[in-house]
N, C-alpha and C. Protein backbone atom coordinates (compact mmCIF):
# COMPACT_ATOMS: atom_id res chain seq x y z
N MET A 1 96.58 79.33 -1.81
CA MET A 1 95.99 79.48 -0.50
C MET A 1 94.85 78.48 -0.35
N ALA A 2 94.71 77.91 0.83
CA ALA A 2 93.69 76.90 1.09
C ALA A 2 92.31 77.54 1.14
N LYS A 3 91.31 76.75 0.76
CA LYS A 3 89.93 77.22 0.83
C LYS A 3 89.47 77.27 2.28
N LYS A 4 88.59 78.20 2.56
CA LYS A 4 88.03 78.31 3.91
C LYS A 4 86.69 77.60 3.93
N GLY A 5 86.36 77.01 5.06
CA GLY A 5 85.08 76.34 5.20
C GLY A 5 85.18 75.08 6.02
N ASN A 6 84.15 74.24 5.89
CA ASN A 6 84.04 73.05 6.72
C ASN A 6 84.73 71.83 6.13
N ARG A 7 85.10 71.89 4.86
CA ARG A 7 85.71 70.72 4.22
C ARG A 7 87.19 70.62 4.56
N GLN A 8 87.61 69.37 4.86
CA GLN A 8 89.01 69.12 5.16
C GLN A 8 89.49 67.92 4.36
N ILE A 9 90.77 67.88 4.07
CA ILE A 9 91.35 66.75 3.36
C ILE A 9 91.56 65.61 4.35
N ILE A 10 91.10 64.41 3.96
CA ILE A 10 91.30 63.24 4.80
C ILE A 10 91.98 62.15 3.97
N LYS A 11 92.56 61.17 4.65
CA LYS A 11 93.21 60.05 4.00
C LYS A 11 92.43 58.79 4.36
N ILE A 12 91.98 58.03 3.33
CA ILE A 12 91.29 56.77 3.58
C ILE A 12 92.20 55.64 3.14
N LYS A 13 92.40 54.65 4.04
CA LYS A 13 93.35 53.57 3.82
C LYS A 13 92.61 52.26 3.60
N SER A 14 93.16 51.44 2.70
CA SER A 14 92.59 50.14 2.39
C SER A 14 92.72 49.19 3.58
N SER A 15 91.74 48.30 3.73
CA SER A 15 91.81 47.29 4.78
C SER A 15 92.58 46.05 4.34
N ALA A 16 92.92 45.96 3.04
CA ALA A 16 93.60 44.77 2.51
C ALA A 16 95.04 45.02 2.07
N SER A 17 95.45 46.27 1.94
CA SER A 17 96.80 46.58 1.47
C SER A 17 97.21 47.96 2.00
N PRO A 18 98.44 48.38 1.73
CA PRO A 18 98.88 49.71 2.20
C PRO A 18 98.40 50.87 1.32
N HIS A 19 97.61 50.61 0.30
CA HIS A 19 97.14 51.66 -0.62
C HIS A 19 96.19 52.62 0.09
N PHE A 20 96.22 53.90 -0.32
CA PHE A 20 95.29 54.89 0.26
C PHE A 20 94.86 55.89 -0.80
N TYR A 21 93.72 56.50 -0.55
CA TYR A 21 93.20 57.61 -1.35
C TYR A 21 93.13 58.83 -0.44
N SER A 22 93.21 60.02 -1.03
CA SER A 22 92.95 61.24 -0.28
C SER A 22 91.71 61.89 -0.88
N THR A 23 90.86 62.41 -0.02
CA THR A 23 89.60 62.99 -0.45
C THR A 23 89.19 64.10 0.51
N PHE A 24 88.10 64.78 0.21
CA PHE A 24 87.58 65.83 1.06
C PHE A 24 86.39 65.32 1.84
N LYS A 25 86.22 65.87 3.04
CA LYS A 25 85.11 65.50 3.90
C LYS A 25 84.58 66.74 4.60
N ASN A 26 83.26 66.86 4.64
CA ASN A 26 82.62 67.96 5.37
C ASN A 26 82.47 67.52 6.82
N LYS A 27 83.26 68.11 7.73
CA LYS A 27 83.27 67.71 9.13
C LYS A 27 81.98 68.06 9.87
N VAL A 28 81.21 69.00 9.36
CA VAL A 28 79.96 69.39 10.01
C VAL A 28 78.87 68.35 9.73
N ASN A 29 78.75 67.91 8.47
CA ASN A 29 77.71 66.96 8.10
C ASN A 29 78.06 65.52 8.45
N THR A 30 79.34 65.16 8.38
CA THR A 30 79.80 63.80 8.64
C THR A 30 80.78 63.83 9.80
N THR A 31 80.28 63.60 11.00
CA THR A 31 81.14 63.72 12.18
C THR A 31 81.91 62.44 12.47
N GLY A 32 81.37 61.28 12.08
CA GLY A 32 82.03 60.01 12.35
C GLY A 32 83.11 59.71 11.33
N ARG A 33 83.76 58.55 11.51
CA ARG A 33 84.80 58.12 10.59
C ARG A 33 84.16 57.64 9.28
N LEU A 34 84.78 57.96 8.18
CA LEU A 34 84.28 57.61 6.86
C LEU A 34 84.69 56.19 6.50
N GLU A 35 83.73 55.40 5.97
CA GLU A 35 84.01 54.05 5.48
C GLU A 35 83.37 53.92 4.11
N ILE A 36 84.19 53.65 3.09
CA ILE A 36 83.73 53.56 1.71
C ILE A 36 84.29 52.30 1.08
N LYS A 37 83.51 51.66 0.22
CA LYS A 37 84.00 50.52 -0.53
C LYS A 37 84.49 51.05 -1.88
N LYS A 38 85.82 50.93 -2.12
CA LYS A 38 86.43 51.46 -3.33
C LYS A 38 87.35 50.40 -3.94
N TYR A 39 87.78 50.65 -5.16
CA TYR A 39 88.67 49.73 -5.87
C TYR A 39 90.10 49.87 -5.35
N ASP A 40 90.73 48.75 -5.04
CA ASP A 40 92.12 48.71 -4.60
C ASP A 40 92.97 48.14 -5.74
N PRO A 41 93.82 48.96 -6.36
CA PRO A 41 94.63 48.47 -7.48
C PRO A 41 95.72 47.48 -7.08
N VAL A 42 96.09 47.43 -5.81
CA VAL A 42 97.13 46.51 -5.35
C VAL A 42 96.60 45.07 -5.36
N VAL A 43 95.41 44.86 -4.79
CA VAL A 43 94.83 43.52 -4.76
C VAL A 43 93.85 43.29 -5.90
N ARG A 44 93.58 44.32 -6.68
CA ARG A 44 92.72 44.28 -7.87
C ARG A 44 91.30 43.81 -7.58
N ARG A 45 90.69 44.40 -6.56
CA ARG A 45 89.28 44.15 -6.25
C ARG A 45 88.77 45.27 -5.36
N HIS A 46 87.47 45.31 -5.14
CA HIS A 46 86.86 46.31 -4.27
C HIS A 46 86.97 45.87 -2.82
N VAL A 47 87.45 46.77 -1.97
CA VAL A 47 87.60 46.50 -0.53
C VAL A 47 87.14 47.72 0.25
N MET A 48 86.99 47.55 1.56
CA MET A 48 86.60 48.66 2.42
C MET A 48 87.79 49.57 2.68
N TYR A 49 87.54 50.85 2.57
CA TYR A 49 88.54 51.88 2.91
C TYR A 49 88.02 52.62 4.12
N LYS A 50 88.87 52.80 5.13
CA LYS A 50 88.48 53.47 6.36
C LYS A 50 89.32 54.72 6.57
N GLU A 51 88.71 55.73 7.13
CA GLU A 51 89.39 57.00 7.39
C GLU A 51 90.47 56.83 8.45
N GLU A 52 91.65 57.38 8.16
CA GLU A 52 92.73 57.37 9.13
C GLU A 52 92.73 58.66 9.91
N LYS A 53 93.38 58.63 11.06
CA LYS A 53 93.46 59.83 11.89
C LYS A 53 94.51 60.77 11.39
């Protein structure tokens, strides 16, 4: 059964390749789209990951 609360699972997609990560986000504290610089194993470097809808 899923947890109850403000956290939801989101998908963040790489700006340089089709790779994506899935993570949790608190929709109450972070209302805008999430942008994180993470490692992309496809291009083998750190790139910006942006939240998908």
